[in-house]
PDB file of N, CA and C in Angstrom:
ATOM      1  N   UNK A   1      31.273   1.283  13.761  1.00  0.00           N
ATOM      2  CA  UNK A   1      29.840   1.225  13.605  1.00  0.00           C
ATOM      3  C   UNK A   1      29.487   1.715  12.203  1.00  0.00           C
ATOM      4  N   UNK A   2      28.679   0.936  11.439  1.00  0.00           N
ATOM      5  CA  UNK A   2      28.348   1.345  10.072  1.00  0.00           C
ATOM      6  C   UNK A   2      27.459   2.593  10.059  1.00  0.00           C
ATOM      7  N   UNK A   3      27.619   3.370   9.009  1.00  0.00           N
ATOM      8  CA  UNK A   3      26.827   4.597   8.876  1.00  0.00           C
ATOM      9  C   UNK A   3      25.373   4.236   8.575  1.00  0.00           C
ATOM     10  N   UNK A   4      24.445   4.858   9.300  1.00  0.00           N
ATOM     11  CA  UNK A   4      23.029   4.572   9.109  1.00  0.00           C
ATOM     12  C   UNK A   4      22.472   5.410   7.971  1.00  0.00           C
ATOM     13  N   UNK A   5      21.557   4.816   7.215  1.00  0.00           N
ATOM     14  CA  UNK A   5      20.887   5.525   6.133  1.00  0.00           C
ATOM     15  C   UNK A   5      19.696   6.299   6.713  1.00  0.00           C
ATOM     16  N   UNK A   6      19.397   7.475   6.179  1.00  0.00           N
ATOM     17  CA  UNK A   6      18.256   8.237   6.684  1.00  0.00           C
ATOM     18  C   UNK A   6      16.930   7.548   6.345  1.00  0.00           C
ATOM     19  N   UNK A   7      15.969   7.674   7.239  1.00  0.00           N
ATOM     20  CA  UNK A   7      14.655   7.089   7.014  1.00  0.00           C
ATOM     21  C   UNK A   7      13.859   7.960   6.051  1.00  0.00           C
ATOM     22  N   UNK A   8      13.965   9.265   6.196  1.00  0.00           N
ATOM     23  CA  UNK A   8      13.290  10.221   5.320  1.00  0.00           C
ATOM     24  C   UNK A   8      14.335  11.095   4.648  1.00  0.00           C
ATOM     25  N   UNK A   9      14.046  11.497   3.432  1.00  0.00           N
ATOM     26  CA  UNK A   9      14.945  12.442   2.766  1.00  0.00           C
ATOM     27  C   UNK A   9      14.102  13.469   2.013  1.00  0.00           C
ATOM     28  N   UNK A  10      14.581  14.695   1.993  1.00  0.00           N
ATOM     29  CA  UNK A  10      13.892  15.782   1.304  1.00  0.00           C
ATOM     30  C   UNK A  10      14.363  15.786  -0.138  1.00  0.00           C
ATOM     31  N   UNK A  11      13.415  15.656  -1.055  1.00  0.00           N
ATOM     32  CA  UNK A  11      13.743  15.604  -2.471  1.00  0.00           C
ATOM     33  C   UNK A  11      13.596  16.977  -3.117  1.00  0.00           C
ATOM     34  N   UNK A  12      12.618  17.739  -2.636  1.00  0.00           N
ATOM     35  CA  UNK A  12      12.375  19.049  -3.219  1.00  0.00           C
ATOM     36  C   UNK A  12      11.966  20.018  -2.117  1.00  0.00           C
ATOM     37  N   UNK A  13      12.373  21.245  -2.216  1.00  0.00           N
ATOM     38  CA  UNK A  13      12.010  22.258  -1.241  1.00  0.00           C
ATOM     39  C   UNK A  13      13.027  22.354  -0.122  1.00  0.00           C
ATOM     40  N   UNK A  14      12.760  23.260   0.788  1.00  0.00           N
ATOM     41  CA  UNK A  14      13.646  23.459   1.931  1.00  0.00           C
ATOM     42  C   UNK A  14      12.804  23.568   3.203  1.00  0.00           C
ATOM     43  N   UNK A  15      12.363  22.437   3.738  1.00  0.00           N
ATOM     44  CA  UNK A  15      11.562  22.490   4.961  1.00  0.00           C
ATOM     45  C   UNK A  15      12.413  22.913   6.152  1.00  0.00           C
ATOM     46  N   UNK A  16      11.780  23.595   7.089  1.00  0.00           N
ATOM     47  CA  UNK A  16      12.509  23.982   8.301  1.00  0.00           C
ATOM     48  C   UNK A  16      12.410  22.843   9.320  1.00  0.00           C
ATOM     49  N   UNK A  17      13.029  23.031  10.458  1.00  0.00           N
ATOM     50  CA  UNK A  17      13.073  21.981  11.475  1.00  0.00           C
ATOM     51  C   UNK A  17      11.680  21.608  11.987  1.00  0.00           C
ATOM     52  N   UNK A  18      10.790  22.583  12.095  1.00  0.00           N
ATOM     53  CA  UNK A  18       9.441  22.316  12.593  1.00  0.00           C
ATOM     54  C   UNK A  18       8.661  21.444  11.604  1.00  0.00           C
ATOM     55  N   UNK A  19       8.775  21.733  10.319  1.00  0.00           N
ATOM     56  CA  UNK A  19       8.083  20.943   9.302  1.00  0.00           C
ATOM     57  C   UNK A  19       8.612  19.512   9.256  1.00  0.00           C
ATOM     58  N   UNK A  20       9.918  19.342   9.366  1.00  0.00           N
ATOM     59  CA  UNK A  20      10.492  17.993   9.387  1.00  0.00           C
ATOM     60  C   UNK A  20      10.065  17.225  10.627  1.00  0.00           C
ATOM     61  N   UNK A  21       9.991  17.909  11.763  1.00  0.00           N
ATOM     62  CA  UNK A  21       9.551  17.257  12.996  1.00  0.00           C
ATOM     63  C   UNK A  21       8.095  16.823  12.882  1.00  0.00           C
ATOM     64  N   UNK A  22       7.258  17.654  12.268  1.00  0.00           N
ATOM     65  CA  UNK A  22       5.845  17.298  12.083  1.00  0.00           C
ATOM     66  C   UNK A  22       5.723  16.085  11.172  1.00  0.00           C
ATOM     67  N   UNK A  23       6.467  16.044  10.096  1.00  0.00           N
ATOM     68  CA  UNK A  23       6.435  14.898   9.187  1.00  0.00           C
ATOM     69  C   UNK A  23       6.894  13.625   9.892  1.00  0.00           C
ATOM     70  N   UNK A  24       7.969  13.707  10.629  1.00  0.00           N
ATOM     71  CA  UNK A  24       8.479  12.539  11.349  1.00  0.00           C
ATOM     72  C   UNK A  24       7.471  12.060  12.387  1.00  0.00           C
ATOM     73  N   UNK A  25       6.774  12.981  13.052  1.00  0.00           N
ATOM     74  CA  UNK A  25       5.773  12.596  14.053  1.00  0.00           C
ATOM     75  C   UNK A  25       4.605  11.866  13.411  1.00  0.00           C
ATOM     76  N   UNK A  26       4.148  12.342  12.265  1.00  0.00           N
ATOM     77  CA  UNK A  26       3.028  11.697  11.583  1.00  0.00           C
ATOM     78  C   UNK A  26       3.416  10.304  11.095  1.00  0.00           C
ATOM     79  N   UNK A  27       4.572  10.196  10.455  1.00  0.00           N
ATOM     80  CA  UNK A  27       5.019   8.895   9.960  1.00  0.00           C
ATOM     81  C   UNK A  27       5.208   7.913  11.113  1.00  0.00           C
ATOM     82  N   UNK A  28       5.761   8.376  12.208  1.00  0.00           N
ATOM     83  CA  UNK A  28       5.972   7.529  13.376  1.00  0.00           C
ATOM     84  C   UNK A  28       4.643   7.087  13.986  1.00  0.00           C
ATOM     85  N   UNK A  29       3.675   7.998  14.070  1.00  0.00           N
ATOM     86  CA  UNK A  29       2.371   7.660  14.644  1.00  0.00           C
ATOM     87  C   UNK A  29       1.632   6.634  13.790  1.00  0.00           C
ATOM     88  N   UNK A  30       1.685   6.784  12.476  1.00  0.00           N
ATOM     89  CA  UNK A  30       1.025   5.821  11.587  1.00  0.00           C
ATOM     90  C   UNK A  30       1.682   4.448  11.717  1.00  0.00           C
ATOM     91  N   UNK A  31       2.993   4.408  11.744  1.00  0.00           N
ATOM     92  CA  UNK A  31       3.695   3.127  11.874  1.00  0.00           C
ATOM     93  C   UNK A  31       3.381   2.460  13.207  1.00  0.00           C
ATOM     94  N   UNK A  32       3.323   3.246  14.282  1.00  0.00           N
ATOM     95  CA  UNK A  32       3.015   2.683  15.599  1.00  0.00           C
ATOM     96  C   UNK A  32       1.584   2.163  15.654  1.00  0.00           C
ATOM     97  N   UNK A  33       0.649   2.881  15.050  1.00  0.00           N
ATOM     98  CA  UNK A  33      -0.747   2.439  15.041  1.00  0.00           C
ATOM     99  C   UNK A  33      -0.905   1.131  14.274  1.00  0.00           C
ATOM    100  N   UNK A  34      -0.216   1.012  13.162  1.00  0.00           N
ATOM    101  CA  UNK A  34      -0.284  -0.240  12.389  1.00  0.00           C
ATOM    102  C   UNK A  34       0.350  -1.401  13.164  1.00  0.00           C
ATOM    103  N   UNK A  35       1.437  -1.119  13.858  1.00  0.00           N
ATOM    104  CA  UNK A  35       2.102  -2.173  14.628  1.00  0.00           C
ATOM    105  C   UNK A  35       1.209  -2.650  15.777  1.00  0.00           C
ATOM    106  N   UNK A  36       0.532  -1.692  16.442  1.00  0.00           N
ATOM    107  CA  UNK A  36      -0.369  -2.069  17.536  1.00  0.00           C
ATOM    108  C   UNK A  36      -1.548  -2.872  17.025  1.00  0.00           C
ATOM    109  N   UNK A  37      -2.054  -2.520  15.867  1.00  0.00           N
ATOM    110  CA  UNK A  37      -3.218  -3.208  15.312  1.00  0.00           C
ATOM    111  C   UNK A  37      -2.830  -4.542  14.685  1.00  0.00           C
ATOM    112  N   UNK A  38      -1.564  -4.739  14.449  1.00  0.00           N
ATOM    113  CA  UNK A  38      -1.109  -5.970  13.820  1.00  0.00           C
ATOM    114  C   UNK A  38      -1.476  -6.028  12.349  1.00  0.00           C
ATOM    115  N   UNK A  39      -1.771  -4.883  11.781  1.00  0.00           N
ATOM    116  CA  UNK A  39      -2.172  -4.822  10.378  1.00  0.00           C
ATOM    117  C   UNK A  39      -0.946  -4.915   9.473  1.00  0.00           C
ATOM    118  N   UNK A  40      -1.049  -5.711   8.419  1.00  0.00           N
ATOM    119  CA  UNK A  40       0.062  -5.758   7.472  1.00  0.00           C
ATOM    120  C   UNK A  40       0.115  -4.466   6.668  1.00  0.00           C
ATOM    121  N   UNK A  41       1.218  -4.238   6.027  1.00  0.00           N
ATOM    122  CA  UNK A  41       1.352  -3.039   5.193  1.00  0.00           C
ATOM    123  C   UNK A  41       0.297  -3.062   4.109  1.00  0.00           C
ATOM    124  N   UNK A  42      -0.256  -1.906   3.814  1.00  0.00           N
ATOM    125  CA  UNK A  42      -1.306  -1.805   2.801  1.00  0.00           C
ATOM    126  C   UNK A  42      -0.748  -2.149   1.434  1.00  0.00           C
ATOM    127  N   UNK A  43      -1.476  -2.982   0.719  1.00  0.00           N
ATOM    128  CA  UNK A  43      -1.086  -3.344  -0.631  1.00  0.00           C
ATOM    129  C   UNK A  43      -2.323  -3.239  -1.513  1.00  0.00           C
ATOM    130  N   UNK A  44      -2.319  -2.338  -2.473  1.00  0.00           N
ATOM    131  CA  UNK A  44      -3.502  -2.167  -3.300  1.00  0.00           C
ATOM    132  C   UNK A  44      -3.879  -3.445  -4.048  1.00  0.00           C
ATOM    133  N   UNK A  45      -5.163  -3.591  -4.300  1.00  0.00           N
ATOM    134  CA  UNK A  45      -5.666  -4.802  -4.963  1.00  0.00           C
ATOM    135  C   UNK A  45      -5.015  -5.010  -6.329  1.00  0.00           C
ATOM    136  N   UNK A  46      -4.830  -3.944  -7.088  1.00  0.00           N
ATOM    137  CA  UNK A  46      -4.316  -4.090  -8.442  1.00  0.00           C
ATOM    138  C   UNK A  46      -2.861  -4.541  -8.479  1.00  0.00           C
ATOM    139  N   UNK A  47      -2.146  -4.435  -7.357  1.00  0.00           N
ATOM    140  CA  UNK A  47      -0.744  -4.844  -7.359  1.00  0.00           C
ATOM    141  C   UNK A  47      -0.562  -6.304  -6.949  1.00  0.00           C
ATOM    142  N   UNK A  48      -1.648  -6.973  -6.633  1.00  0.00           N
ATOM    143  CA  UNK A  48      -1.563  -8.382  -6.259  1.00  0.00           C
ATOM    144  C   UNK A  48      -1.553  -9.250  -7.515  1.00  0.00           C
ATOM    145  N   UNK A  49      -0.579 -10.138  -7.662  1.00  0.00           N
ATOM    146  CA  UNK A  49      -0.517 -10.971  -8.866  1.00  0.00           C
ATOM    147  C   UNK A  49      -1.780 -11.801  -9.078  1.00  0.00           C
ATOM    148  N   UNK A  50      -2.401 -12.247  -8.005  1.00  0.00           N
ATOM    149  CA  UNK A  50      -3.600 -13.076  -8.149  1.00  0.00           C
ATOM    150  C   UNK A  50      -4.746 -12.296  -8.786  1.00  0.00           C
ATOM    151  N   UNK A  51      -4.766 -10.983  -8.612  1.00  0.00           N
ATOM    152  CA  UNK A  51      -5.824 -10.169  -9.190  1.00  0.00           C
ATOM    153  C   UNK A  51      -5.741 -10.144 -10.712  1.00  0.00           C
ATOM    154  N   UNK A  52      -4.569 -10.436 -11.264  1.00  0.00           N
ATOM    155  CA  UNK A  52      -4.414 -10.440 -12.713  1.00  0.00           C
ATOM    156  C   UNK A  52      -4.930 -11.723 -13.341  1.00  0.00           C
ATOM    157  N   UNK A  53      -5.093 -12.769 -12.545  1.00  0.00           N
ATOM    158  CA  UNK A  53      -5.581 -14.042 -13.062  1.00  0.00           C
ATOM    159  C   UNK A  53      -7.097 -14.040 -13.097  1.00  0.00           C
ATOM    160  N   UNK A  54      -7.650 -14.641 -14.086  1.00  0.00           N
ATOM    161  CA  UNK A  54      -9.094 -14.718 -14.218  1.00  0.00           C
ATOM    162  C   UNK A  54      -9.549 -16.112 -13.807  1.00  0.00           C
ATOM    163  N   UNK A  55     -10.676 -16.168 -13.127  1.00  0.00           N
ATOM    164  CA  UNK A  55     -11.221 -17.462 -12.729  1.00  0.00           C
ATOM    165  C   UNK A  55     -11.941 -18.089 -13.918  1.00  0.00           C
ATOM    166  N   UNK A  56     -12.191 -19.376 -13.847  1.00  0.00           N
ATOM    167  CA  UNK A  56     -12.888 -20.074 -14.909  1.00  0.00           C
ATOM    168  C   UNK A  56     -14.327 -19.613 -15.046  1.00  0.00           C
ATOM    169  N   UNK A  57     -14.856 -19.729 -16.249  1.00  0.00           N
ATOM    170  CA  UNK A  57     -16.237 -19.348 -16.509  1.00  0.00           C
ATOM    171  C   UNK A  57     -17.090 -20.600 -16.427  1.00  0.00           C
ATOM    172  N   UNK A  58     -18.151 -20.512 -15.650  1.00  0.00           N
ATOM    173  CA  UNK A  58     -19.014 -21.678 -15.499  1.00  0.00           C
ATOM    174  C   UNK A  58     -19.965 -21.790 -16.682  1.00  0.00           C
ATOM    175  N   UNK A  59     -20.486 -22.979 -16.891  1.00  0.00           N
ATOM    176  CA  UNK A  59     -21.446 -23.248 -17.962  1.00  0.00           C
ATOM    177  C   UNK A  59     -22.851 -23.143 -17.401  1.00  0.00           C
ATOM    178  N   UNK A  60     -23.795 -22.898 -18.267  1.00  0.00           N
ATOM    179  CA  UNK A  60     -25.187 -22.894 -17.842  1.00  0.00           C
ATOM    180  C   UNK A  60     -25.828 -21.532 -17.996  1.00  0.00           C
ATOM    181  N   UNK A  61     -27.033 -21.393 -17.419  1.00  0.00           N
ATOM    182  CA  UNK A  61     -27.764 -20.137 -17.553  1.00  0.00           C
ATOM    183  C   UNK A  61     -26.964 -18.963 -16.982  1.00  0.00           C
ATOM    184  N   UNK A  62     -26.876 -17.895 -17.742  1.00  0.00           N
ATOM    185  CA  UNK A  62     -26.179 -16.702 -17.296  1.00  0.00           C
ATOM    186  C   UNK A  62     -24.683 -16.722 -17.551  1.00  0.00           C
ATOM    187  N   UNK A  63     -24.161 -17.797 -18.105  1.00  0.00           N
ATOM    188  CA  UNK A  63     -22.719 -17.886 -18.328  1.00  0.00           C
ATOM    189  C   UNK A  63     -22.246 -16.832 -19.315  1.00  0.00           C
ATOM    190  N   UNK A  64     -23.060 -16.523 -20.320  1.00  0.00           N
ATOM    191  CA  UNK A  64     -22.673 -15.512 -21.301  1.00  0.00           C
ATOM    192  C   UNK A  64     -22.521 -14.151 -20.625  1.00  0.00           C
ATOM    193  N   UNK A  65     -23.362 -13.884 -19.635  1.00  0.00           N
ATOM    194  CA  UNK A  65     -23.295 -12.614 -18.922  1.00  0.00           C
ATOM    195  C   UNK A  65     -22.027 -12.576 -18.056  1.00  0.00           C
ATOM    196  N   UNK A  66     -21.738 -13.664 -17.369  1.00  0.00           N
ATOM    197  CA  UNK A  66     -20.571 -13.740 -16.491  1.00  0.00           C
ATOM    198  C   UNK A  66     -19.267 -13.640 -17.268  1.00  0.00           C
ATOM    199  N   UNK A  67     -19.281 -14.006 -18.555  1.00  0.00           N
ATOM    200  CA  UNK A  67     -18.048 -13.972 -19.340  1.00  0.00           C
ATOM    201  C   UNK A  67     -17.558 -12.552 -19.566  1.00  0.00           C
ATOM    202  N   UNK A  68     -18.439 -11.574 -19.454  1.00  0.00           N
ATOM    203  CA  UNK A  68     -18.032 -10.194 -19.675  1.00  0.00           C
ATOM    204  C   UNK A  68     -17.704  -9.448 -18.395  1.00  0.00           C
ATOM    205  N   UNK A  69     -17.869 -10.096 -17.249  1.00  0.00           N
ATOM    206  CA  UNK A  69     -17.604  -9.446 -15.978  1.00  0.00           C
ATOM    207  C   UNK A  69     -16.136  -9.601 -15.601  1.00  0.00           C
ATOM    208  N   UNK A  70     -15.578  -8.632 -14.891  1.00  0.00           N
ATOM    209  CA  UNK A  70     -14.177  -8.772 -14.465  1.00  0.00           C
ATOM    210  C   UNK A  70     -14.003  -9.924 -13.496  1.00  0.00           C
ATOM    211  N   UNK A  71     -12.830 -10.580 -13.588  1.00  0.00           N
ATOM    212  CA  UNK A  71     -12.459 -11.739 -12.815  1.00  0.00           C
ATOM    213  C   UNK A  71     -12.946 -11.768 -11.454  1.00  0.00           C
TER     214      UNK A  71
END
């Protein structure tokens, strides 16, 4: 049987067993709530490639104003 990788790892500090259990409970509860809701993993708007693209600027009244607004 292949060795399993840990889901959480402590990078700094020395948490005791109670602190690690609390962290695991919170992470597990959040993951279960998202799974029940069917919500996809959160992805911030700025990390979406489409957010980096700008839409075309229309012609006509107010176009000069729209040219300075974010995409």
